[in-house]
N, C-alpha and C. Protein backbone atom coordinates (compact mmCIF):
# COMPACT_ATOMS: atom_id res chain seq x y z
N UNK A 1 1.09 11.78 7.45
CA UNK A 1 1.16 10.78 8.51
C UNK A 1 -0.24 10.39 8.99
N UNK A 2 -1.17 11.33 9.02
CA UNK A 2 -2.53 11.05 9.46
C UNK A 2 -3.23 10.04 8.56
N UNK A 3 -2.98 10.13 7.26
CA UNK A 3 -3.59 9.19 6.31
C UNK A 3 -3.15 7.76 6.61
N UNK A 4 -1.87 7.57 6.82
CA UNK A 4 -1.34 6.23 7.09
C UNK A 4 -1.88 5.71 8.42
N UNK A 5 -1.91 6.56 9.43
CA UNK A 5 -2.44 6.17 10.74
C UNK A 5 -3.91 5.75 10.62
N UNK A 6 -4.70 6.52 9.87
CA UNK A 6 -6.12 6.18 9.68
C UNK A 6 -6.28 4.88 8.90
N UNK A 7 -5.45 4.69 7.89
CA UNK A 7 -5.50 3.46 7.11
C UNK A 7 -5.17 2.24 7.96
N UNK A 8 -4.13 2.36 8.78
CA UNK A 8 -3.76 1.26 9.68
C UNK A 8 -4.85 0.99 10.72
N UNK A 9 -5.48 2.04 11.21
CA UNK A 9 -6.57 1.87 12.19
C UNK A 9 -7.74 1.13 11.55
N UNK A 10 -8.08 1.47 10.32
CA UNK A 10 -9.18 0.78 9.63
C UNK A 10 -8.82 -0.67 9.38
N UNK A 11 -7.58 -0.94 9.02
CA UNK A 11 -7.13 -2.31 8.81
C UNK A 11 -7.21 -3.11 10.11
N UNK A 12 -6.75 -2.50 11.19
CA UNK A 12 -6.80 -3.16 12.51
C UNK A 12 -8.25 -3.45 12.91
N UNK A 13 -9.14 -2.49 12.70
CA UNK A 13 -10.56 -2.70 13.01
C UNK A 13 -11.13 -3.86 12.20
N UNK A 14 -10.76 -3.94 10.94
CA UNK A 14 -11.24 -5.00 10.07
C UNK A 14 -10.76 -6.37 10.55
N UNK A 15 -9.49 -6.45 10.93
CA UNK A 15 -8.93 -7.72 11.42
C UNK A 15 -9.64 -8.14 12.70
N UNK A 16 -9.84 -7.21 13.61
CA UNK A 16 -10.51 -7.53 14.88
C UNK A 16 -11.95 -7.97 14.65
N UNK A 17 -12.63 -7.31 13.73
CA UNK A 17 -14.03 -7.68 13.48
C UNK A 17 -14.15 -9.10 12.93
N UNK A 18 -13.12 -9.60 12.27
CA UNK A 18 -13.15 -10.95 11.71
C UNK A 18 -12.54 -12.00 12.66
N UNK A 19 -11.95 -11.56 13.76
CA UNK A 19 -11.29 -12.48 14.69
C UNK A 19 -12.27 -13.34 15.45
N UNK A 20 -11.76 -14.43 15.98
CA UNK A 20 -12.52 -15.34 16.82
C UNK A 20 -12.68 -14.68 18.19
N UNK A 21 -13.91 -14.49 18.66
CA UNK A 21 -14.15 -13.71 19.87
C UNK A 21 -14.94 -14.49 20.91
N UNK A 22 -14.74 -14.07 22.16
CA UNK A 22 -15.51 -14.57 23.30
C UNK A 22 -15.58 -13.45 24.32
N UNK A 23 -16.73 -13.25 24.93
CA UNK A 23 -16.87 -12.23 25.97
C UNK A 23 -16.84 -12.93 27.32
N UNK A 24 -15.99 -12.42 28.21
CA UNK A 24 -15.86 -12.99 29.54
C UNK A 24 -15.77 -11.85 30.54
N UNK A 25 -16.68 -11.83 31.50
CA UNK A 25 -16.74 -10.80 32.53
C UNK A 25 -16.74 -9.39 31.93
N UNK A 26 -17.36 -9.25 30.78
CA UNK A 26 -17.49 -7.94 30.15
C UNK A 26 -16.31 -7.53 29.29
N UNK A 27 -15.30 -8.37 29.18
CA UNK A 27 -14.12 -8.08 28.36
C UNK A 27 -14.17 -8.99 27.13
N UNK A 28 -13.89 -8.43 25.96
CA UNK A 28 -13.91 -9.23 24.74
C UNK A 28 -12.51 -9.81 24.52
N UNK A 29 -12.43 -11.13 24.50
CA UNK A 29 -11.19 -11.82 24.14
C UNK A 29 -11.27 -12.04 22.63
N UNK A 30 -10.23 -11.65 21.93
CA UNK A 30 -10.24 -11.74 20.47
C UNK A 30 -8.94 -12.38 20.01
N UNK A 31 -9.04 -13.47 19.27
CA UNK A 31 -7.87 -14.17 18.77
C UNK A 31 -7.70 -13.88 17.29
N UNK A 32 -6.63 -13.16 16.94
CA UNK A 32 -6.36 -12.83 15.53
C UNK A 32 -4.97 -13.28 15.11
N UNK A 33 -4.31 -14.10 15.94
CA UNK A 33 -2.97 -14.54 15.55
C UNK A 33 -3.06 -15.57 14.43
N UNK A 34 -1.94 -15.96 13.89
CA UNK A 34 -1.91 -16.87 12.74
C UNK A 34 -2.16 -18.33 13.12
N UNK A 35 -2.01 -18.67 14.39
CA UNK A 35 -2.14 -20.05 14.85
C UNK A 35 -3.56 -20.30 15.35
N UNK A 36 -4.39 -20.91 14.52
CA UNK A 36 -5.78 -21.19 14.93
C UNK A 36 -5.88 -22.32 15.95
N UNK A 37 -4.83 -23.10 16.12
CA UNK A 37 -4.90 -24.25 17.02
C UNK A 37 -4.89 -23.85 18.50
N UNK A 38 -4.52 -22.61 18.82
CA UNK A 38 -4.45 -22.21 20.22
C UNK A 38 -5.62 -21.34 20.67
N UNK A 39 -6.63 -21.18 19.82
CA UNK A 39 -7.73 -20.26 20.15
C UNK A 39 -8.43 -20.64 21.46
N UNK A 40 -8.85 -21.90 21.59
CA UNK A 40 -9.58 -22.31 22.80
C UNK A 40 -8.70 -22.21 24.04
N UNK A 41 -7.43 -22.53 23.90
CA UNK A 41 -6.50 -22.41 25.02
C UNK A 41 -6.34 -20.94 25.41
N UNK A 42 -6.24 -20.05 24.42
CA UNK A 42 -6.15 -18.61 24.70
C UNK A 42 -7.38 -18.16 25.48
N UNK A 43 -8.58 -18.54 25.04
CA UNK A 43 -9.80 -18.13 25.73
C UNK A 43 -9.84 -18.68 27.17
N UNK A 44 -9.52 -19.94 27.33
CA UNK A 44 -9.58 -20.58 28.65
C UNK A 44 -8.57 -19.97 29.62
N UNK A 45 -7.32 -19.88 29.18
CA UNK A 45 -6.27 -19.39 30.08
C UNK A 45 -6.43 -17.89 30.35
N UNK A 46 -6.87 -17.13 29.37
CA UNK A 46 -7.11 -15.70 29.61
C UNK A 46 -8.22 -15.53 30.64
N UNK A 47 -9.25 -16.36 30.56
CA UNK A 47 -10.30 -16.34 31.58
C UNK A 47 -9.75 -16.67 32.96
N UNK A 48 -8.85 -17.66 33.04
CA UNK A 48 -8.23 -18.00 34.31
C UNK A 48 -7.38 -16.84 34.83
N UNK A 49 -6.67 -16.16 33.94
CA UNK A 49 -5.85 -15.02 34.35
C UNK A 49 -6.73 -13.89 34.89
N UNK A 50 -7.86 -13.63 34.23
CA UNK A 50 -8.79 -12.60 34.71
C UNK A 50 -9.36 -13.01 36.07
N UNK A 51 -9.72 -14.29 36.22
CA UNK A 51 -10.22 -14.77 37.52
C UNK A 51 -9.15 -14.63 38.61
N UNK A 52 -7.91 -14.91 38.26
CA UNK A 52 -6.80 -14.79 39.21
C UNK A 52 -6.65 -13.33 39.66
N UNK A 53 -6.71 -12.41 38.72
CA UNK A 53 -6.62 -10.98 39.07
C UNK A 53 -7.77 -10.61 40.00
N UNK A 54 -8.98 -11.06 39.69
CA UNK A 54 -10.15 -10.74 40.52
C UNK A 54 -10.00 -11.30 41.93
N UNK A 55 -9.43 -12.48 42.02
CA UNK A 55 -9.28 -13.15 43.32
C UNK A 55 -8.17 -12.52 44.16
N UNK A 56 -7.04 -12.25 43.54
CA UNK A 56 -5.86 -11.78 44.28
C UNK A 56 -5.90 -10.28 44.53
N UNK A 57 -6.42 -9.51 43.57
CA UNK A 57 -6.41 -8.05 43.70
C UNK A 57 -7.70 -7.45 43.11
N UNK A 58 -8.79 -7.48 43.89
CA UNK A 58 -10.07 -6.99 43.39
C UNK A 58 -10.04 -5.54 42.90
N UNK A 59 -9.20 -4.71 43.51
CA UNK A 59 -9.11 -3.31 43.09
C UNK A 59 -8.56 -3.21 41.66
N UNK A 60 -7.51 -3.95 41.38
CA UNK A 60 -6.95 -3.95 40.02
C UNK A 60 -7.91 -4.59 39.03
N UNK A 61 -8.63 -5.61 39.48
CA UNK A 61 -9.60 -6.24 38.59
C UNK A 61 -10.66 -5.22 38.17
N UNK A 62 -11.14 -4.41 39.10
CA UNK A 62 -12.13 -3.39 38.76
C UNK A 62 -11.58 -2.43 37.72
N UNK A 63 -10.31 -2.07 37.86
CA UNK A 63 -9.69 -1.18 36.88
C UNK A 63 -9.57 -1.86 35.52
N UNK A 64 -9.09 -3.10 35.51
CA UNK A 64 -8.96 -3.85 34.26
C UNK A 64 -10.32 -3.93 33.57
N UNK A 65 -11.34 -4.28 34.33
CA UNK A 65 -12.68 -4.42 33.75
C UNK A 65 -13.21 -3.08 33.23
N UNK A 66 -12.89 -2.01 33.93
CA UNK A 66 -13.35 -0.69 33.52
C UNK A 66 -12.59 -0.17 32.29
N UNK A 67 -11.29 -0.40 32.24
CA UNK A 67 -10.45 0.22 31.21
C UNK A 67 -10.27 -0.61 29.94
N UNK A 68 -10.30 -1.94 30.06
CA UNK A 68 -10.04 -2.78 28.88
C UNK A 68 -11.34 -3.20 28.22
N UNK A 69 -11.43 -2.94 26.93
CA UNK A 69 -12.54 -3.45 26.15
C UNK A 69 -12.16 -4.80 25.54
N UNK A 70 -10.89 -4.94 25.16
CA UNK A 70 -10.39 -6.14 24.49
C UNK A 70 -9.12 -6.67 25.15
N UNK A 71 -8.97 -7.98 25.10
CA UNK A 71 -7.68 -8.64 25.24
C UNK A 71 -7.51 -9.41 23.94
N UNK A 72 -6.50 -9.03 23.18
CA UNK A 72 -6.33 -9.55 21.82
C UNK A 72 -5.06 -10.39 21.75
N UNK A 73 -5.18 -11.57 21.18
CA UNK A 73 -4.02 -12.43 20.93
C UNK A 73 -3.53 -12.17 19.51
N UNK A 74 -2.30 -11.68 19.40
CA UNK A 74 -1.70 -11.39 18.10
C UNK A 74 -0.19 -11.49 18.22
N UNK A 75 0.46 -11.80 17.13
CA UNK A 75 1.92 -11.87 17.15
C UNK A 75 2.49 -10.47 17.39
N UNK A 76 3.47 -10.39 18.29
CA UNK A 76 4.13 -9.13 18.63
C UNK A 76 5.63 -9.35 18.73
N UNK A 77 6.36 -8.26 18.81
CA UNK A 77 7.80 -8.34 19.07
C UNK A 77 8.09 -8.40 20.56
N UNK A 78 7.03 -8.24 21.37
CA UNK A 78 7.15 -8.32 22.83
C UNK A 78 6.00 -9.20 23.33
N UNK A 79 5.91 -9.36 24.64
CA UNK A 79 4.83 -10.18 25.19
C UNK A 79 3.50 -9.45 25.22
N UNK A 80 3.52 -8.14 25.32
CA UNK A 80 2.26 -7.39 25.39
C UNK A 80 2.42 -5.94 24.99
N UNK A 81 1.31 -5.34 24.61
CA UNK A 81 1.23 -3.92 24.27
C UNK A 81 -0.14 -3.40 24.67
N UNK A 82 -0.21 -2.09 24.88
CA UNK A 82 -1.51 -1.46 25.11
C UNK A 82 -1.84 -0.63 23.87
N UNK A 83 -3.06 -0.77 23.36
CA UNK A 83 -3.52 0.03 22.22
C UNK A 83 -4.62 0.96 22.72
N UNK A 84 -4.25 2.21 22.90
CA UNK A 84 -5.15 3.21 23.48
C UNK A 84 -6.42 3.39 22.64
N UNK A 85 -6.27 3.45 21.33
CA UNK A 85 -7.42 3.70 20.46
C UNK A 85 -8.50 2.63 20.64
N UNK A 86 -8.09 1.41 20.93
CA UNK A 86 -9.02 0.30 21.07
C UNK A 86 -9.36 -0.02 22.53
N UNK A 87 -8.67 0.61 23.47
CA UNK A 87 -8.74 0.21 24.88
C UNK A 87 -8.46 -1.28 24.97
N UNK A 88 -7.33 -1.68 24.40
CA UNK A 88 -7.02 -3.10 24.26
C UNK A 88 -5.64 -3.43 24.81
N UNK A 89 -5.58 -4.58 25.44
CA UNK A 89 -4.32 -5.21 25.80
C UNK A 89 -4.06 -6.25 24.73
N UNK A 90 -2.98 -6.09 23.98
CA UNK A 90 -2.63 -7.06 22.94
C UNK A 90 -1.54 -7.94 23.51
N UNK A 91 -1.76 -9.24 23.42
CA UNK A 91 -0.87 -10.24 24.01
C UNK A 91 -0.34 -11.14 22.92
N UNK A 92 0.93 -11.48 23.01
CA UNK A 92 1.46 -12.55 22.15
C UNK A 92 1.41 -13.82 22.98
N UNK A 93 0.26 -14.48 22.95
CA UNK A 93 -0.01 -15.64 23.80
C UNK A 93 1.01 -16.75 23.58
N UNK A 94 1.54 -16.88 22.39
CA UNK A 94 2.51 -17.92 22.08
C UNK A 94 3.83 -17.78 22.82
N UNK A 95 4.10 -16.64 23.39
CA UNK A 95 5.34 -16.43 24.13
C UNK A 95 5.29 -17.01 25.56
N UNK A 96 4.10 -17.39 25.99
CA UNK A 96 3.94 -17.94 27.34
C UNK A 96 3.97 -19.46 27.24
N UNK A 97 4.90 -20.08 27.95
CA UNK A 97 5.14 -21.53 27.87
C UNK A 97 4.43 -22.24 29.03
N UNK A 98 3.11 -22.28 28.95
CA UNK A 98 2.30 -22.85 30.02
C UNK A 98 2.64 -24.32 30.28
N UNK A 99 3.05 -25.05 29.27
CA UNK A 99 3.37 -26.48 29.44
C UNK A 99 4.61 -26.67 30.32
N UNK A 100 5.50 -25.67 30.36
CA UNK A 100 6.73 -25.78 31.16
C UNK A 100 6.45 -25.59 32.65
N UNK A 101 5.66 -24.59 33.00
CA UNK A 101 5.35 -24.29 34.40
C UNK A 101 4.05 -23.49 34.42
N UNK A 102 2.94 -24.21 34.44
CA UNK A 102 1.63 -23.59 34.26
C UNK A 102 1.38 -22.46 35.25
N UNK A 103 1.58 -22.72 36.51
CA UNK A 103 1.26 -21.74 37.55
C UNK A 103 2.09 -20.47 37.39
N UNK A 104 3.39 -20.64 37.15
CA UNK A 104 4.26 -19.47 37.02
C UNK A 104 3.84 -18.63 35.82
N UNK A 105 3.60 -19.27 34.68
CA UNK A 105 3.22 -18.52 33.48
C UNK A 105 1.83 -17.90 33.61
N UNK A 106 0.92 -18.54 34.35
CA UNK A 106 -0.40 -17.95 34.57
C UNK A 106 -0.27 -16.64 35.35
N UNK A 107 0.54 -16.65 36.40
CA UNK A 107 0.78 -15.41 37.17
C UNK A 107 1.48 -14.35 36.31
N UNK A 108 2.46 -14.78 35.52
CA UNK A 108 3.16 -13.87 34.63
C UNK A 108 2.20 -13.25 33.61
N UNK A 109 1.34 -14.08 33.06
CA UNK A 109 0.35 -13.63 32.07
C UNK A 109 -0.61 -12.62 32.69
N UNK A 110 -1.12 -12.93 33.88
CA UNK A 110 -2.01 -12.01 34.58
C UNK A 110 -1.29 -10.69 34.87
N UNK A 111 -0.01 -10.79 35.25
CA UNK A 111 0.78 -9.58 35.49
C UNK A 111 0.96 -8.74 34.24
N UNK A 112 1.10 -9.38 33.09
CA UNK A 112 1.22 -8.64 31.83
C UNK A 112 -0.07 -7.91 31.53
N UNK A 113 -1.20 -8.55 31.75
CA UNK A 113 -2.49 -7.88 31.53
C UNK A 113 -2.61 -6.65 32.42
N UNK A 114 -2.25 -6.78 33.70
CA UNK A 114 -2.29 -5.63 34.62
C UNK A 114 -1.32 -4.55 34.16
N UNK A 115 -0.12 -4.95 33.80
CA UNK A 115 0.89 -3.98 33.35
C UNK A 115 0.39 -3.18 32.15
N UNK A 116 -0.13 -3.88 31.15
CA UNK A 116 -0.59 -3.18 29.95
C UNK A 116 -1.80 -2.30 30.26
N UNK A 117 -2.67 -2.74 31.15
CA UNK A 117 -3.82 -1.92 31.55
C UNK A 117 -3.36 -0.62 32.21
N UNK A 118 -2.23 -0.66 32.90
CA UNK A 118 -1.72 0.56 33.56
C UNK A 118 -1.33 1.65 32.57
N UNK A 119 -1.19 1.30 31.29
CA UNK A 119 -0.87 2.31 30.27
C UNK A 119 -2.09 3.10 29.85
N UNK A 120 -3.31 2.65 30.28
CA UNK A 120 -4.52 3.32 29.83
C UNK A 120 -4.67 4.70 30.47
């Protein structure tokens, strides 16, 4: 089992190293999902979600900034996951329907980031 886990970790590291990245407030946003058309939107809205957390709950923002190295956009079976080995919050950005109700989904997205950070 250790061999497979190590192999998957190396594969994940390789994918992340090739992903489209942006650093914002000390957190690396990394887009590795299959849809290249949403990269800039992912970076922009994730930055807004981080700013919202900082504005509404500075204590949680300090924790997010301290604990998360990455926020990664990737396809998932859920909206979010925490990856302890990477100190990463993995988000399936495509599951958030910002066009339907931007404000509601922005708060929901920020809440998912906080929720996943709590697993650290």
